C-alpha atoms as a PDB file:
ATOM      1  CA  MET A   1      66.321 236.882 102.553  1.00  0.00           C
ATOM      2  CA  PRO A   2      63.149 237.562 104.495  1.00  0.00           C
ATOM      3  CA  HIS A   3      59.875 236.784 102.789  1.00  0.00           C
ATOM      4  CA  HIS A   4      57.509 238.829 104.954  1.00  0.00           C
ATOM      5  CA  LYS A   5      57.184 242.579 104.954  1.00  0.00           C
ATOM      6  CA  SER A   6      57.506 242.811 108.753  1.00  0.00           C
ATOM      7  CA  THR A   7      60.634 240.661 108.728  1.00  0.00           C
ATOM      8  CA  LYS A   8      62.220 242.893 106.103  1.00  0.00           C
ATOM      9  CA  LYS A   9      61.428 245.902 108.282  1.00  0.00           C
ATOM     10  CA  ARG A  10      62.989 244.245 111.343  1.00  0.00           C
ATOM     11  CA  VAL A  11      66.173 243.529 109.375  1.00  0.00           C
ATOM     12  CA  ILE A  12      66.444 247.177 108.361  1.00  0.00           C
ATOM     13  CA  LEU A  13      65.711 248.439 111.884  1.00  0.00           C
ATOM     14  CA  SER A  14      68.162 245.970 113.384  1.00  0.00           C
ATOM     15  CA  TRP A  15      70.870 247.206 111.025  1.00  0.00           C
ATOM     16  CA  LYS A  16      70.139 250.846 111.924  1.00  0.00           C
ATOM     17  CA  GLN A  17      70.232 250.095 115.647  1.00  0.00           C
ATOM     18  CA  ASN A  18      73.487 248.208 115.209  1.00  0.00           C
ATOM     19  CA  ARG A  19      75.062 251.228 113.499  1.00  0.00           C
ATOM     20  CA  TYR A  20      73.748 253.524 116.254  1.00  0.00           C
ATOM     21  CA  ASN A  21      75.109 251.292 119.028  1.00  0.00           C
ATOM     22  CA  LEU A  22      78.407 250.826 117.235  1.00  0.00           C
ATOM     23  CA  ALA A  23      78.907 254.591 117.078  1.00  0.00           C
ATOM     24  CA  TYR A  24      78.398 254.886 120.828  1.00  0.00           C
ATOM     25  CA  LYS A  25      80.701 251.946 121.548  1.00  0.00           C
ATOM     26  CA  THR A  26      83.405 253.532 119.398  1.00  0.00           C
ATOM     27  CA  LYS A  27      82.956 256.784 121.301  1.00  0.00           C
ATOM     28  CA  MET A  28      83.315 254.872 124.579  1.00  0.00           C
ATOM     29  CA  LYS A  29      86.539 253.179 123.468  1.00  0.00           C
ATOM     30  CA  SER A  30      87.979 256.494 122.288  1.00  0.00           C
ATOM     31  CA  MET A  31      87.127 258.143 125.608  1.00  0.00           C
ATOM     32  CA  ILE A  32      88.829 255.336 127.534  1.00  0.00           C
ATOM     33  CA  LYS A  33      91.961 255.609 125.381  1.00  0.00           C
ATOM     34  CA  LYS A  34      91.950 259.378 125.886  1.00  0.00           C
ATOM     35  CA  VAL A  35      91.799 259.009 129.674  1.00  0.00           C
ATOM     36  CA  ARG A  36      94.545 256.365 129.674  1.00  0.00           C
ATOM     37  CA  SER A  37      96.822 258.598 127.603  1.00  0.00           C
ATOM     38  CA  ILE A  38      96.758 261.407 130.191  1.00  0.00           C
ATOM     39  CA  THR A  39      99.718 261.487 132.569  1.00  0.00           C
ATOM     40  CA  ASP A  40      98.860 264.658 134.524  1.00  0.00           C
ATOM     41  CA  LYS A  41      96.936 264.064 137.743  1.00  0.00           C
ATOM     42  CA  ASP A  42      95.097 267.411 137.546  1.00  0.00           C
ATOM     43  CA  LEU A  43      93.859 266.953 133.987  1.00  0.00           C
ATOM     44  CA  ILE A  44      92.674 263.412 134.478  1.00  0.00           C
ATOM     45  CA  GLN A  45      89.942 264.362 136.963  1.00  0.00           C
ATOM     46  CA  GLU A  46      87.955 266.317 134.364  1.00  0.00           C
ATOM     47  CA  GLU A  47      88.329 263.565 131.780  1.00  0.00           C
ATOM     48  CA  LEU A  48      87.310 260.911 134.323  1.00  0.00           C
ATOM     49  CA  LYS A  49      84.158 262.881 135.013  1.00  0.00           C
ATOM     50  CA  ASN A  50      83.332 262.936 131.282  1.00  0.00           C
ATOM     51  CA  ALA A  51      84.111 259.230 130.890  1.00  0.00           C
ATOM     52  CA  TYR A  52      81.918 258.282 133.862  1.00  0.00           C
ATOM     53  CA  SER A  53      79.101 260.375 132.444  1.00  0.00           C
ATOM     54  CA  LEU A  54      79.363 258.695 129.047  1.00  0.00           C
ATOM     55  CA  LEU A  55      79.434 255.211 130.580  1.00  0.00           C
ATOM     56  CA  ASP A  56      76.335 255.972 132.669  1.00  0.00           C
ATOM     57  CA  LYS A  57      74.600 257.291 129.567  1.00  0.00           C
ATOM     58  CA  LEU A  58      75.357 254.087 127.657  1.00  0.00           C
ATOM     59  CA  VAL A  59      73.969 251.996 130.498  1.00  0.00           C
ATOM     60  CA  SER A  60      70.760 254.026 130.604  1.00  0.00           C
ATOM     61  CA  LYS A  61      70.336 253.608 126.838  1.00  0.00           C
ATOM     62  CA  GLY A  62      70.893 249.856 127.148  1.00  0.00           C
ATOM     63  CA  ILE A  63      73.949 249.820 124.902  1.00  0.00           C
ATOM     64  CA  ILE A  64      76.242 248.240 127.494  1.00  0.00           C
ATOM     65  CA  HIS A  65      75.550 246.268 130.656  1.00  0.00           C
ATOM     66  CA  LYS A  66      75.802 248.063 133.998  1.00  0.00           C
ATOM     67  CA  ASN A  67      78.494 245.672 135.236  1.00  0.00           C
ATOM     68  CA  LYS A  68      80.644 246.420 132.187  1.00  0.00           C
ATOM     69  CA  ALA A  69      80.343 250.137 132.944  1.00  0.00           C
ATOM     70  CA  ALA A  70      81.241 249.534 136.586  1.00  0.00           C
ATOM     71  CA  ASN A  71      84.238 247.469 135.507  1.00  0.00           C
ATOM     72  CA  GLN A  72      85.451 250.190 133.141  1.00  0.00           C
ATOM     73  CA  LYS A  73      84.988 252.897 135.796  1.00  0.00           C
ATOM     74  CA  SER A  74      86.947 250.821 138.273  1.00  0.00           C
ATOM     75  CA  LYS A  75      89.828 250.325 135.838  1.00  0.00           C
ATOM     76  CA  LEU A  76      89.940 254.042 135.013  1.00  0.00           C
ATOM     77  CA  ALA A  77      89.849 255.005 138.706  1.00  0.00           C
ATOM     78  CA  LYS A  78      92.672 252.575 139.406  1.00  0.00           C
ATOM     79  CA  TYR A  79      94.722 254.101 136.600  1.00  0.00           C
ATOM     80  CA  ALA A  80      94.032 257.645 137.853  1.00  0.00           C
ATOM     81  CA  GLY A  81      95.049 256.622 141.358  1.00  0.00           C
ATOM     82  CA  SER A  82      98.322 255.190 140.142  1.00  0.00           C
ATOM     83  CA  LEU A  83      99.462 258.555 138.730  1.00  0.00           C
ATOM     84  CA  ASN A  84     101.887 260.590 140.842  1.00  0.00           C
END
């Protein structure tokens, strides 16, 4: 347990930020699963747009690294391209 008042505050803030980031990461994973579950080439374009937007938002907030976002976008684009 922390002994200083400022350390106690940092523990609480760290926990809150962890919850906040975890919510966004869960949203990201759900969005990726949603895109991967689509089999229609016309529908996937709109969902890809939303997924790209969310990934860019997470990068700008500092929740994920920009290379991770680029990697995820690449995988989703590859999946969308493989649909007939």
